[in-house]
């Protein structure tokens, strides 16, 4: 076992977690119900992203009543493509196009970069 200085992240053994064992013990049931339960959710991500691409970015000034600047058109488009990519991944489509376009539009969009890296 490696020694890590205090305050530095220590990797954990994912296979030792209760969640891992829960999924492993019930995998057949999870696999059986996965499509029915989650297909609608992932399809709604795709649909939301597609709708967002058809709409103009919200006007500057205000986000849900919290004040501040609205999203730029560039960030709006990148987030929409990221949503489409997440939905496609959940539906079993491993196409890299949407996350790649999101990263191209907005290289600092961490979620899209992470999704793209996972597909490589």
PDB file of N, CA and C in Angstrom:
ATOM      1  N   UNK A   1       0.846  -1.195   0.000  1.00  0.00           N
ATOM      2  CA  UNK A   1       0.000   0.000   0.000  1.00  0.00           C
ATOM      3  C   UNK A   1       0.880   1.243   0.000  1.00  0.00           C
ATOM      4  N   UNK A   2       0.502   2.199  -0.828  1.00  0.00           N
ATOM      5  CA  UNK A   2       1.283   3.424  -0.910  1.00  0.00           C
ATOM      6  C   UNK A   2       0.935   4.365   0.232  1.00  0.00           C
ATOM      7  N   UNK A   3       1.885   5.180   0.592  1.00  0.00           N
ATOM      8  CA  UNK A   3       1.662   6.177   1.633  1.00  0.00           C
ATOM      9  C   UNK A   3       1.406   7.524   0.960  1.00  0.00           C
ATOM     10  N   UNK A   4       0.332   8.179   1.296  1.00  0.00           N
ATOM     11  CA  UNK A   4       0.003   9.479   0.726  1.00  0.00           C
ATOM     12  C   UNK A   4       0.077  10.524   1.828  1.00  0.00           C
ATOM     13  N   UNK A   5       0.679  11.677   1.550  1.00  0.00           N
ATOM     14  CA  UNK A   5       0.679  12.747   2.547  1.00  0.00           C
ATOM     15  C   UNK A   5      -0.755  13.146   2.889  1.00  0.00           C
ATOM     16  N   UNK A   6      -0.952  13.549   4.145  1.00  0.00           N
ATOM     17  CA  UNK A   6      -2.295  13.925   4.571  1.00  0.00           C
ATOM     18  C   UNK A   6      -2.821  15.072   3.711  1.00  0.00           C
ATOM     19  N   UNK A   7      -4.105  14.994   3.374  1.00  0.00           N
ATOM     20  CA  UNK A   7      -4.729  16.027   2.564  1.00  0.00           C
ATOM     21  C   UNK A   7      -4.688  15.735   1.074  1.00  0.00           C
ATOM     22  N   UNK A   8      -4.029  14.657   0.676  1.00  0.00           N
ATOM     23  CA  UNK A   8      -3.976  14.293  -0.739  1.00  0.00           C
ATOM     24  C   UNK A   8      -4.917  13.121  -0.951  1.00  0.00           C
ATOM     25  N   UNK A   9      -5.594  13.148  -2.055  1.00  0.00           N
ATOM     26  CA  UNK A   9      -6.566  12.105  -2.381  1.00  0.00           C
ATOM     27  C   UNK A   9      -5.921  10.730  -2.351  1.00  0.00           C
ATOM     28  N   UNK A  10      -6.601   9.803  -1.730  1.00  0.00           N
ATOM     29  CA  UNK A  10      -6.172   8.407  -1.727  1.00  0.00           C
ATOM     30  C   UNK A  10      -7.167   7.595  -2.532  1.00  0.00           C
ATOM     31  N   UNK A  11      -6.709   6.922  -3.588  1.00  0.00           N
ATOM     32  CA  UNK A  11      -7.638   6.123  -4.385  1.00  0.00           C
ATOM     33  C   UNK A  11      -8.286   5.053  -3.515  1.00  0.00           C
ATOM     34  N   UNK A  12      -9.553   4.763  -3.803  1.00  0.00           N
ATOM     35  CA  UNK A  12     -10.239   3.739  -3.028  1.00  0.00           C
ATOM     36  C   UNK A  12     -10.435   2.499  -3.894  1.00  0.00           C
ATOM     37  N   UNK A  13     -10.731   1.437  -3.252  1.00  0.00           N
ATOM     38  CA  UNK A  13     -10.992   0.185  -3.946  1.00  0.00           C
ATOM     39  C   UNK A  13     -12.486   0.128  -4.231  1.00  0.00           C
ATOM     40  N   UNK A  14     -12.874   0.461  -5.462  1.00  0.00           N
ATOM     41  CA  UNK A  14     -14.302   0.532  -5.808  1.00  0.00           C
ATOM     42  C   UNK A  14     -14.999  -0.799  -5.594  1.00  0.00           C
ATOM     43  N   UNK A  15     -14.289  -1.894  -5.803  1.00  0.00           N
ATOM     44  CA  UNK A  15     -14.905  -3.209  -5.651  1.00  0.00           C
ATOM     45  C   UNK A  15     -15.183  -3.575  -4.199  1.00  0.00           C
ATOM     46  N   UNK A  16     -14.654  -2.798  -3.281  1.00  0.00           N
ATOM     47  CA  UNK A  16     -14.904  -3.062  -1.858  1.00  0.00           C
ATOM     48  C   UNK A  16     -16.111  -2.278  -1.335  1.00  0.00           C
ATOM     49  N   UNK A  17     -16.720  -1.440  -2.174  1.00  0.00           N
ATOM     50  CA  UNK A  17     -17.832  -0.614  -1.710  1.00  0.00           C
ATOM     51  C   UNK A  17     -19.147  -1.384  -1.694  1.00  0.00           C
ATOM     52  N   UNK A  18     -20.037  -0.910  -0.839  1.00  0.00           N
ATOM     53  CA  UNK A  18     -21.364  -1.527  -0.740  1.00  0.00           C
ATOM     54  C   UNK A  18     -22.135  -1.368  -2.050  1.00  0.00           C
ATOM     55  N   UNK A  19     -21.975  -0.226  -2.722  1.00  0.00           N
ATOM     56  CA  UNK A  19     -22.674   0.000  -3.983  1.00  0.00           C
ATOM     57  C   UNK A  19     -22.234  -1.021  -5.031  1.00  0.00           C
ATOM     58  N   UNK A  20     -20.961  -1.274  -5.123  1.00  0.00           N
ATOM     59  CA  UNK A  20     -20.453  -2.248  -6.082  1.00  0.00           C
ATOM     60  C   UNK A  20     -21.086  -3.621  -5.826  1.00  0.00           C
ATOM     61  N   UNK A  21     -21.105  -4.027  -4.568  1.00  0.00           N
ATOM     62  CA  UNK A  21     -21.668  -5.339  -4.231  1.00  0.00           C
ATOM     63  C   UNK A  21     -23.171  -5.385  -4.485  1.00  0.00           C
ATOM     64  N   UNK A  22     -23.863  -4.276  -4.224  1.00  0.00           N
ATOM     65  CA  UNK A  22     -25.297  -4.217  -4.491  1.00  0.00           C
ATOM     66  C   UNK A  22     -25.579  -4.423  -5.978  1.00  0.00           C
ATOM     67  N   UNK A  23     -24.838  -3.705  -6.814  1.00  0.00           N
ATOM     68  CA  UNK A  23     -25.028  -3.834  -8.263  1.00  0.00           C
ATOM     69  C   UNK A  23     -24.622  -5.235  -8.726  1.00  0.00           C
ATOM     70  N   UNK A  24     -23.496  -5.720  -8.236  1.00  0.00           N
ATOM     71  CA  UNK A  24     -23.033  -7.042  -8.647  1.00  0.00           C
ATOM     72  C   UNK A  24     -24.028  -8.141  -8.246  1.00  0.00           C
ATOM     73  N   UNK A  25     -24.551  -8.049  -7.033  1.00  0.00           N
ATOM     74  CA  UNK A  25     -25.494  -9.067  -6.543  1.00  0.00           C
ATOM     75  C   UNK A  25     -26.827  -9.044  -7.277  1.00  0.00           C
ATOM     76  N   UNK A  26     -27.193  -7.872  -7.815  1.00  0.00           N
ATOM     77  CA  UNK A  26     -28.495  -7.721  -8.458  1.00  0.00           C
ATOM     78  C   UNK A  26     -28.381  -7.373  -9.934  1.00  0.00           C
ATOM     79  N   UNK A  27     -27.252  -7.709 -10.536  1.00  0.00           N
ATOM     80  CA  UNK A  27     -26.999  -7.277 -11.903  1.00  0.00           C
ATOM     81  C   UNK A  27     -28.023  -7.804 -12.893  1.00  0.00           C
ATOM     82  N   UNK A  28     -28.428  -9.059 -12.759  1.00  0.00           N
ATOM     83  CA  UNK A  28     -29.401  -9.619 -13.709  1.00  0.00           C
ATOM     84  C   UNK A  28     -30.702  -8.828 -13.696  1.00  0.00           C
ATOM     85  N   UNK A  29     -31.183  -8.490 -12.513  1.00  0.00           N
ATOM     86  CA  UNK A  29     -32.413  -7.697 -12.394  1.00  0.00           C
ATOM     87  C   UNK A  29     -32.202  -6.291 -12.945  1.00  0.00           C
ATOM     88  N   UNK A  30     -31.067  -5.684 -12.620  1.00  0.00           N
ATOM     89  CA  UNK A  30     -30.771  -4.344 -13.119  1.00  0.00           C
ATOM     90  C   UNK A  30     -30.733  -4.332 -14.638  1.00  0.00           C
ATOM     91  N   UNK A  31     -30.083  -5.309 -15.216  1.00  0.00           N
ATOM     92  CA  UNK A  31     -29.997  -5.398 -16.677  1.00  0.00           C
ATOM     93  C   UNK A  31     -31.377  -5.586 -17.308  1.00  0.00           C
ATOM     94  N   UNK A  32     -32.227  -6.355 -16.646  1.00  0.00           N
ATOM     95  CA  UNK A  32     -33.563  -6.624 -17.179  1.00  0.00           C
ATOM     96  C   UNK A  32     -34.435  -5.360 -17.208  1.00  0.00           C
ATOM     97  N   UNK A  33     -34.330  -4.512 -16.196  1.00  0.00           N
ATOM     98  CA  UNK A  33     -35.215  -3.339 -16.113  1.00  0.00           C
ATOM     99  C   UNK A  33     -34.570  -2.058 -16.630  1.00  0.00           C
ATOM    100  N   UNK A  34     -33.270  -2.089 -16.920  1.00  0.00           N
ATOM    101  CA  UNK A  34     -32.552  -0.864 -17.289  1.00  0.00           C
ATOM    102  C   UNK A  34     -33.206  -0.128 -18.457  1.00  0.00           C
ATOM    103  N   UNK A  35     -33.435  -0.818 -19.567  1.00  0.00           N
ATOM    104  CA  UNK A  35     -33.967  -0.154 -20.757  1.00  0.00           C
ATOM    105  C   UNK A  35     -35.323   0.471 -20.497  1.00  0.00           C
ATOM    106  N   UNK A  36     -36.212  -0.260 -19.827  1.00  0.00           N
ATOM    107  CA  UNK A  36     -37.550   0.271 -19.561  1.00  0.00           C
ATOM    108  C   UNK A  36     -37.501   1.519 -18.697  1.00  0.00           C
ATOM    109  N   UNK A  37     -36.667   1.501 -17.693  1.00  0.00           N
ATOM    110  CA  UNK A  37     -36.643   2.611 -16.736  1.00  0.00           C
ATOM    111  C   UNK A  37     -35.872   3.822 -17.216  1.00  0.00           C
ATOM    112  N   UNK A  38     -34.809   3.610 -17.959  1.00  0.00           N
ATOM    113  CA  UNK A  38     -33.920   4.727 -18.264  1.00  0.00           C
ATOM    114  C   UNK A  38     -33.928   5.198 -19.706  1.00  0.00           C
ATOM    115  N   UNK A  39     -34.530   4.438 -20.596  1.00  0.00           N
ATOM    116  CA  UNK A  39     -34.558   4.856 -21.998  1.00  0.00           C
ATOM    117  C   UNK A  39     -35.248   6.212 -22.155  1.00  0.00           C
ATOM    118  N   UNK A  40     -36.373   6.407 -21.467  1.00  0.00           N
ATOM    119  CA  UNK A  40     -37.092   7.686 -21.560  1.00  0.00           C
ATOM    120  C   UNK A  40     -36.240   8.839 -21.046  1.00  0.00           C
ATOM    121  N   UNK A  41     -35.514   8.604 -19.949  1.00  0.00           N
ATOM    122  CA  UNK A  41     -34.680   9.665 -19.382  1.00  0.00           C
ATOM    123  C   UNK A  41     -33.571  10.060 -20.365  1.00  0.00           C
ATOM    124  N   UNK A  42     -32.881   9.072 -20.925  1.00  0.00           N
ATOM    125  CA  UNK A  42     -31.796   9.384 -21.846  1.00  0.00           C
ATOM    126  C   UNK A  42     -32.326  10.005 -23.138  1.00  0.00           C
ATOM    127  N   UNK A  43     -33.482   9.543 -23.608  1.00  0.00           N
ATOM    128  CA  UNK A  43     -34.077  10.127 -24.810  1.00  0.00           C
ATOM    129  C   UNK A  43     -34.473  11.580 -24.541  1.00  0.00           C
ATOM    130  N   UNK A  44     -34.916  11.873 -23.314  1.00  0.00           N
ATOM    131  CA  UNK A  44     -35.284  13.261 -22.997  1.00  0.00           C
ATOM    132  C   UNK A  44     -34.059  14.174 -23.004  1.00  0.00           C
ATOM    133  N   UNK A  45     -32.875  13.645 -22.651  1.00  0.00           N
ATOM    134  CA  UNK A  45     -31.650  14.444 -22.756  1.00  0.00           C
ATOM    135  C   UNK A  45     -31.354  14.778 -24.213  1.00  0.00           C
ATOM    136  N   UNK A  46     -31.485  13.786 -25.084  1.00  0.00           N
ATOM    137  CA  UNK A  46     -31.271  14.006 -26.516  1.00  0.00           C
ATOM    138  C   UNK A  46     -32.258  15.050 -27.030  1.00  0.00           C
ATOM    139  N   UNK A  47     -33.535  14.876 -26.682  1.00  0.00           N
ATOM    140  CA  UNK A  47     -34.567  15.806 -27.155  1.00  0.00           C
ATOM    141  C   UNK A  47     -34.333  17.221 -26.628  1.00  0.00           C
ATOM    142  N   UNK A  48     -33.948  17.353 -25.362  1.00  0.00           N
ATOM    143  CA  UNK A  48     -33.683  18.681 -24.791  1.00  0.00           C
ATOM    144  C   UNK A  48     -32.531  19.361 -25.510  1.00  0.00           C
ATOM    145  N   UNK A  49     -31.468  18.608 -25.769  1.00  0.00           N
ATOM    146  CA  UNK A  49     -30.330  19.175 -26.487  1.00  0.00           C
ATOM    147  C   UNK A  49     -30.695  19.596 -27.899  1.00  0.00           C
ATOM    148  N   UNK A  50     -31.488  18.775 -28.584  1.00  0.00           N
ATOM    149  CA  UNK A  50     -31.911  19.114 -29.952  1.00  0.00           C
ATOM    150  C   UNK A  50     -32.803  20.358 -29.954  1.00  0.00           C
ATOM    151  N   UNK A  51     -33.701  20.462 -28.982  1.00  0.00           N
ATOM    152  CA  UNK A  51     -34.546  21.672 -28.884  1.00  0.00           C
ATOM    153  C   UNK A  51     -33.688  22.904 -28.619  1.00  0.00           C
ATOM    154  N   UNK A  52     -32.694  22.765 -27.744  1.00  0.00           N
ATOM    155  CA  UNK A  52     -31.834  23.904 -27.415  1.00  0.00           C
ATOM    156  C   UNK A  52     -31.058  24.385 -28.633  1.00  0.00           C
ATOM    157  N   UNK A  53     -30.636  23.455 -29.496  1.00  0.00           N
ATOM    158  CA  UNK A  53     -29.904  23.858 -30.693  1.00  0.00           C
ATOM    159  C   UNK A  53     -30.774  24.650 -31.663  1.00  0.00           C
ATOM    160  N   UNK A  54     -32.086  24.418 -31.618  1.00  0.00           N
ATOM    161  CA  UNK A  54     -33.007  25.110 -32.521  1.00  0.00           C
ATOM    162  C   UNK A  54     -33.411  26.482 -31.997  1.00  0.00           C
ATOM    163  N   UNK A  55     -33.137  26.739 -30.715  1.00  0.00           N
ATOM    164  CA  UNK A  55     -33.518  28.013 -30.106  1.00  0.00           C
ATOM    165  C   UNK A  55     -32.287  28.904 -29.985  1.00  0.00           C
ATOM    166  N   UNK A  56     -32.509  30.200 -30.016  1.00  0.00           N
ATOM    167  CA  UNK A  56     -31.376  31.095 -29.778  1.00  0.00           C
ATOM    168  C   UNK A  56     -30.989  31.054 -28.295  1.00  0.00           C
ATOM    169  N   UNK A  57     -29.731  31.337 -28.017  1.00  0.00           N
ATOM    170  CA  UNK A  57     -29.278  31.401 -26.624  1.00  0.00           C
ATOM    171  C   UNK A  57     -30.065  32.483 -25.901  1.00  0.00           C
ATOM    172  N   UNK A  58     -30.340  32.303 -24.611  1.00  0.00           N
ATOM    173  CA  UNK A  58     -31.077  33.333 -23.867  1.00  0.00           C
ATOM    174  C   UNK A  58     -30.319  34.658 -23.898  1.00  0.00           C
ATOM    175  N   UNK A  59     -31.068  35.724 -23.826  1.00  0.00           N
ATOM    176  CA  UNK A  59     -30.468  37.057 -23.836  1.00  0.00           C
ATOM    177  C   UNK A  59     -29.573  37.223 -22.611  1.00  0.00           C
ATOM    178  N   UNK A  60     -28.550  38.038 -22.767  1.00  0.00           N
ATOM    179  CA  UNK A  60     -27.658  38.321 -21.644  1.00  0.00           C
ATOM    180  C   UNK A  60     -28.443  38.978 -20.517  1.00  0.00           C
ATOM    181  N   UNK A  61     -28.007  38.722 -19.309  1.00  0.00           N
ATOM    182  CA  UNK A  61     -28.613  39.395 -18.156  1.00  0.00           C
ATOM    183  C   UNK A  61     -29.659  38.544 -17.471  1.00  0.00           C
ATOM    184  N   UNK A  62     -29.239  37.803 -16.497  1.00  0.00           N
ATOM    185  CA  UNK A  62     -30.181  37.059 -15.671  1.00  0.00           C
ATOM    186  C   UNK A  62     -30.214  35.591 -15.992  1.00  0.00           C
ATOM    187  N   UNK A  63     -30.159  34.802 -14.937  1.00  0.00           N
ATOM    188  CA  UNK A  63     -30.262  33.351 -15.071  1.00  0.00           C
ATOM    189  C   UNK A  63     -31.232  32.879 -14.002  1.00  0.00           C
ATOM    190  N   UNK A  64     -32.445  32.628 -14.370  1.00  0.00           N
ATOM    191  CA  UNK A  64     -33.408  32.101 -13.419  1.00  0.00           C
ATOM    192  C   UNK A  64     -33.673  33.011 -12.236  1.00  0.00           C
ATOM    193  N   UNK A  65     -33.566  34.300 -12.444  1.00  0.00           N
ATOM    194  CA  UNK A  65     -33.852  35.231 -11.363  1.00  0.00           C
ATOM    195  C   UNK A  65     -32.696  35.419 -10.398  1.00  0.00           C
ATOM    196  N   UNK A  66     -31.558  34.798 -10.664  1.00  0.00           N
ATOM    197  CA  UNK A  66     -30.424  34.922  -9.755  1.00  0.00           C
ATOM    198  C   UNK A  66     -29.493  36.060 -10.146  1.00  0.00           C
ATOM    199  N   UNK A  67     -29.800  36.741 -11.203  1.00  0.00           N
ATOM    200  CA  UNK A  67     -28.925  37.818 -11.652  1.00  0.00           C
ATOM    201  C   UNK A  67     -27.721  37.260 -12.382  1.00  0.00           C
ATOM    202  N   UNK A  68     -26.817  38.109 -12.771  1.00  0.00           N
ATOM    203  CA  UNK A  68     -25.627  37.650 -13.472  1.00  0.00           C
ATOM    204  C   UNK A  68     -25.863  37.585 -14.966  1.00  0.00           C
ATOM    205  N   UNK A  69     -24.830  37.212 -15.672  1.00  0.00           N
ATOM    206  CA  UNK A  69     -24.903  37.157 -17.131  1.00  0.00           C
ATOM    207  C   UNK A  69     -25.519  35.848 -17.591  1.00  0.00           C
ATOM    208  N   UNK A  70     -26.213  35.904 -18.693  1.00  0.00           N
ATOM    209  CA  UNK A  70     -26.753  34.694 -19.295  1.00  0.00           C
ATOM    210  C   UNK A  70     -25.643  33.927 -20.003  1.00  0.00           C
ATOM    211  N   UNK A  71     -25.948  32.771 -20.537  1.00  0.00           N
ATOM    212  CA  UNK A  71     -24.951  31.987 -21.259  1.00  0.00           C
ATOM    213  C   UNK A  71     -24.675  32.607 -22.620  1.00  0.00           C
ATOM    214  N   UNK A  72     -23.428  32.539 -23.034  1.00  0.00           N
ATOM    215  CA  UNK A  72     -23.097  32.988 -24.376  1.00  0.00           C
ATOM    216  C   UNK A  72     -23.669  31.972 -25.371  1.00  0.00           C
ATOM    217  N   UNK A  73     -23.824  32.394 -26.608  1.00  0.00           N
ATOM    218  CA  UNK A  73     -24.329  31.488 -27.645  1.00  0.00           C
ATOM    219  C   UNK A  73     -23.404  30.291 -27.805  1.00  0.00           C
ATOM    220  N   UNK A  74     -22.107  30.516 -27.664  1.00  0.00           N
ATOM    221  CA  UNK A  74     -21.120  29.444 -27.787  1.00  0.00           C
ATOM    222  C   UNK A  74     -21.315  28.402 -26.683  1.00  0.00           C
ATOM    223  N   UNK A  75     -21.461  28.847 -25.441  1.00  0.00           N
ATOM    224  CA  UNK A  75     -21.652  27.933 -24.318  1.00  0.00           C
ATOM    225  C   UNK A  75     -23.012  27.236 -24.404  1.00  0.00           C
ATOM    226  N   UNK A  76     -24.034  27.970 -24.851  1.00  0.00           N
ATOM    227  CA  UNK A  76     -25.370  27.393 -25.030  1.00  0.00           C
ATOM    228  C   UNK A  76     -25.307  26.218 -26.014  1.00  0.00           C
ATOM    229  N   UNK A  77     -24.634  26.415 -27.133  1.00  0.00           N
ATOM    230  CA  UNK A  77     -24.507  25.377 -28.149  1.00  0.00           C
ATOM    231  C   UNK A  77     -23.684  24.198 -27.624  1.00  0.00           C
ATOM    232  N   UNK A  78     -22.597  24.482 -26.924  1.00  0.00           N
ATOM    233  CA  UNK A  78     -21.755  23.411 -26.380  1.00  0.00           C
ATOM    234  C   UNK A  78     -22.530  22.574 -25.368  1.00  0.00           C
ATOM    235  N   UNK A  79     -23.283  23.225 -24.483  1.00  0.00           N
ATOM    236  CA  UNK A  79     -24.079  22.495 -23.490  1.00  0.00           C
ATOM    237  C   UNK A  79     -25.159  21.647 -24.154  1.00  0.00           C
ATOM    238  N   UNK A  80     -25.761  22.170 -25.207  1.00  0.00           N
ATOM    239  CA  UNK A  80     -26.787  21.410 -25.924  1.00  0.00           C
ATOM    240  C   UNK A  80     -26.179  20.160 -26.537  1.00  0.00           C
ATOM    241  N   UNK A  81     -25.028  20.299 -27.153  1.00  0.00           N
ATOM    242  CA  UNK A  81     -24.364  19.136 -27.757  1.00  0.00           C
ATOM    243  C   UNK A  81     -23.911  18.142 -26.697  1.00  0.00           C
ATOM    244  N   UNK A  82     -23.505  18.647 -25.548  1.00  0.00           N
ATOM    245  CA  UNK A  82     -23.127  17.773 -24.436  1.00  0.00           C
ATOM    246  C   UNK A  82     -24.334  16.965 -23.958  1.00  0.00           C
ATOM    247  N   UNK A  83     -25.502  17.612 -23.833  1.00  0.00           N
ATOM    248  CA  UNK A  83     -26.722  16.893 -23.442  1.00  0.00           C
ATOM    249  C   UNK A  83     -27.056  15.788 -24.447  1.00  0.00           C
ATOM    250  N   UNK A  84     -26.957  16.109 -25.719  1.00  0.00           N
ATOM    251  CA  UNK A  84     -27.231  15.107 -26.750  1.00  0.00           C
ATOM    252  C   UNK A  84     -26.253  13.942 -26.614  1.00  0.00           C
ATOM    253  N   UNK A  85     -24.996  14.251 -26.401  1.00  0.00           N
ATOM    254  CA  UNK A  85     -23.987  13.207 -26.248  1.00  0.00           C
ATOM    255  C   UNK A  85     -24.245  12.319 -25.042  1.00  0.00           C
ATOM    256  N   UNK A  86     -24.617  12.919 -23.902  1.00  0.00           N
ATOM    257  CA  UNK A  86     -24.925  12.122 -22.712  1.00  0.00           C
ATOM    258  C   UNK A  86     -26.112  11.202 -22.962  1.00  0.00           C
ATOM    259  N   UNK A  87     -27.136  11.746 -23.597  1.00  0.00           N
ATOM    260  CA  UNK A  87     -28.310  10.940 -23.898  1.00  0.00           C
ATOM    261  C   UNK A  87     -27.980   9.786 -24.825  1.00  0.00           C
ATOM    262  N   UNK A  88     -27.180  10.059 -25.851  1.00  0.00           N
ATOM    263  CA  UNK A  88     -26.787   9.003 -26.791  1.00  0.00           C
ATOM    264  C   UNK A  88     -25.979   7.922 -26.098  1.00  0.00           C
ATOM    265  N   UNK A  89     -25.081   8.324 -25.207  1.00  0.00           N
ATOM    266  CA  UNK A  89     -24.296   7.330 -24.471  1.00  0.00           C
ATOM    267  C   UNK A  89     -25.205   6.448 -23.627  1.00  0.00           C
ATOM    268  N   UNK A  90     -26.178   7.063 -22.962  1.00  0.00           N
ATOM    269  CA  UNK A  90     -27.113   6.293 -22.154  1.00  0.00           C
ATOM    270  C   UNK A  90     -27.959   5.343 -22.967  1.00  0.00           C
ATOM    271  N   UNK A  91     -28.204   5.703 -24.212  1.00  0.00           N
ATOM    272  CA  UNK A  91     -28.997   4.854 -25.109  1.00  0.00           C
ATOM    273  C   UNK A  91     -28.138   3.791 -25.794  1.00  0.00           C
ATOM    274  N   UNK A  92     -26.858   3.784 -25.490  1.00  0.00           N
ATOM    275  CA  UNK A  92     -25.978   2.763 -26.060  1.00  0.00           C
ATOM    276  C   UNK A  92     -25.273   3.183 -27.334  1.00  0.00           C
ATOM    277  N   UNK A  93     -25.454   4.418 -27.747  1.00  0.00           N
ATOM    278  CA  UNK A  93     -24.788   4.927 -28.945  1.00  0.00           C
ATOM    279  C   UNK A  93     -23.468   5.559 -28.503  1.00  0.00           C
ATOM    280  N   UNK A  94     -22.362   4.995 -28.908  1.00  0.00           N
ATOM    281  CA  UNK A  94     -21.069   5.509 -28.465  1.00  0.00           C
ATOM    282  C   UNK A  94     -20.441   6.464 -29.474  1.00  0.00           C
ATOM    283  N   UNK A  95     -21.258   7.104 -30.277  1.00  0.00           N
ATOM    284  CA  UNK A  95     -20.739   8.076 -31.249  1.00  0.00           C
ATOM    285  C   UNK A  95     -20.050   9.221 -30.515  1.00  0.00           C
ATOM    286  N   UNK A  96     -18.916   9.634 -31.036  1.00  0.00           N
ATOM    287  CA  UNK A  96     -18.120  10.683 -30.397  1.00  0.00           C
ATOM    288  C   UNK A  96     -18.437  12.071 -30.933  1.00  0.00           C
ATOM    289  N   UNK A  97     -19.318  12.158 -31.920  1.00  0.00           N
ATOM    290  CA  UNK A  97     -19.520  13.430 -32.611  1.00  0.00           C
ATOM    291  C   UNK A  97     -19.990  14.549 -31.686  1.00  0.00           C
ATOM    292  N   UNK A  98     -21.029  14.325 -30.907  1.00  0.00           N
ATOM    293  CA  UNK A  98     -21.582  15.411 -30.093  1.00  0.00           C
ATOM    294  C   UNK A  98     -20.616  15.880 -29.002  1.00  0.00           C
ATOM    295  N   UNK A  99     -20.024  14.966 -28.194  1.00  0.00           N
ATOM    296  CA  UNK A  99     -19.054  15.462 -27.212  1.00  0.00           C
ATOM    297  C   UNK A  99     -17.855  16.140 -27.873  1.00  0.00           C
ATOM    298  N   UNK A 100     -17.421  15.631 -29.024  1.00  0.00           N
ATOM    299  CA  UNK A 100     -16.289  16.245 -29.726  1.00  0.00           C
ATOM    300  C   UNK A 100     -16.644  17.651 -30.186  1.00  0.00           C
ATOM    301  N   UNK A 101     -17.853  17.840 -30.699  1.00  0.00           N
ATOM    302  CA  UNK A 101     -18.288  19.175 -31.123  1.00  0.00           C
ATOM    303  C   UNK A 101     -18.413  20.104 -29.923  1.00  0.00           C
ATOM    304  N   UNK A 102     -18.904  19.590 -28.794  1.00  0.00           N
ATOM    305  CA  UNK A 102     -19.025  20.414 -27.593  1.00  0.00           C
ATOM    306  C   UNK A 102     -17.652  20.901 -27.141  1.00  0.00           C
ATOM    307  N   UNK A 103     -16.645  20.009 -27.164  1.00  0.00           N
ATOM    308  CA  UNK A 103     -15.289  20.388 -26.763  1.00  0.00           C
ATOM    309  C   UNK A 103     -14.682  21.357 -27.767  1.00  0.00           C
ATOM    310  N   UNK A 104     -14.969  21.154 -29.054  1.00  0.00           N
ATOM    311  CA  UNK A 104     -14.456  22.065 -30.077  1.00  0.00           C
ATOM    312  C   UNK A 104     -15.024  23.473 -29.884  1.00  0.00           C
ATOM    313  N   UNK A 105     -16.304  23.546 -29.559  1.00  0.00           N
ATOM    314  CA  UNK A 105     -16.956  24.845 -29.358  1.00  0.00           C
ATOM    315  C   UNK A 105     -16.476  25.504 -28.073  1.00  0.00           C
ATOM    316  N   UNK A 106     -16.357  24.705 -27.017  1.00  0.00           N
ATOM    317  CA  UNK A 106     -16.016  25.238 -25.703  1.00  0.00           C
ATOM    318  C   UNK A 106     -15.026  24.285 -25.027  1.00  0.00           C
ATOM    319  N   UNK A 107     -13.728  24.453 -25.271  1.00  0.00           N
ATOM    320  CA  UNK A 107     -12.726  23.517 -24.753  1.00  0.00           C
ATOM    321  C   UNK A 107     -12.707  23.396 -23.230  1.00  0.00           C
ATOM    322  N   UNK A 108     -13.213  24.392 -22.514  1.00  0.00           N
ATOM    323  CA  UNK A 108     -13.185  24.325 -21.057  1.00  0.00           C
ATOM    324  C   UNK A 108     -14.440  23.684 -20.455  1.00  0.00           C
ATOM    325  N   UNK A 109     -15.282  23.068 -21.265  1.00  0.00           N
ATOM    326  CA  UNK A 109     -16.479  22.383 -20.770  1.00  0.00           C
ATOM    327  C   UNK A 109     -16.053  21.006 -20.253  1.00  0.00           C
ATOM    328  N   UNK A 110     -15.836  20.935 -18.949  1.00  0.00           N
ATOM    329  CA  UNK A 110     -15.241  19.755 -18.329  1.00  0.00           C
ATOM    330  C   UNK A 110     -16.045  18.480 -18.557  1.00  0.00           C
ATOM    331  N   UNK A 111     -17.358  18.539 -18.430  1.00  0.00           N
ATOM    332  CA  UNK A 111     -18.179  17.350 -18.613  1.00  0.00           C
ATOM    333  C   UNK A 111     -18.026  16.754 -19.996  1.00  0.00           C
ATOM    334  N   UNK A 112     -18.019  17.598 -21.006  1.00  0.00           N
ATOM    335  CA  UNK A 112     -17.861  17.124 -22.381  1.00  0.00           C
ATOM    336  C   UNK A 112     -16.471  16.543 -22.599  1.00  0.00           C
ATOM    337  N   UNK A 113     -15.461  17.188 -22.027  1.00  0.00           N
ATOM    338  CA  UNK A 113     -14.099  16.657 -22.157  1.00  0.00           C
ATOM    339  C   UNK A 113     -13.980  15.297 -21.495  1.00  0.00           C
ATOM    340  N   UNK A 114     -14.607  15.145 -20.333  1.00  0.00           N
ATOM    341  CA  UNK A 114     -14.570  13.865 -19.616  1.00  0.00           C
ATOM    342  C   UNK A 114     -15.280  12.780 -20.410  1.00  0.00           C
ATOM    343  N   UNK A 115     -16.462  13.108 -20.949  1.00  0.00           N
ATOM    344  CA  UNK A 115     -17.224  12.127 -21.752  1.00  0.00           C
ATOM    345  C   UNK A 115     -16.428  11.718 -22.982  1.00  0.00           C
ATOM    346  N   UNK A 116     -15.801  12.667 -23.631  1.00  0.00           N
ATOM    347  CA  UNK A 116     -15.012  12.369 -24.830  1.00  0.00           C
ATOM    348  C   UNK A 116     -13.821  11.493 -24.488  1.00  0.00           C
ATOM    349  N   UNK A 117     -13.155  11.784 -23.383  1.00  0.00           N
ATOM    350  CA  UNK A 117     -12.004  10.975 -22.972  1.00  0.00           C
ATOM    351  C   UNK A 117     -12.423   9.546 -22.663  1.00  0.00           C
ATOM    352  N   UNK A 118     -13.596   9.380 -22.095  1.00  0.00           N
ATOM    353  CA  UNK A 118     -14.089   8.045 -21.760  1.00  0.00           C
ATOM    354  C   UNK A 118     -14.396   7.224 -23.010  1.00  0.00           C
ATOM    355  N   UNK A 119     -14.679   7.884 -24.112  1.00  0.00           N
ATOM    356  CA  UNK A 119     -15.005   7.198 -25.353  1.00  0.00           C
ATOM    357  C   UNK A 119     -13.763   6.793 -26.146  1.00  0.00           C
ATOM    358  N   UNK A 120     -12.623   7.343 -25.799  1.00  0.00           N
ATOM    359  CA  UNK A 120     -11.397   7.047 -26.561  1.00  0.00           C
ATOM    360  C   UNK A 120     -10.791   5.744 -26.150  1.00  0.00           C
TER     361      UNK A 120
END
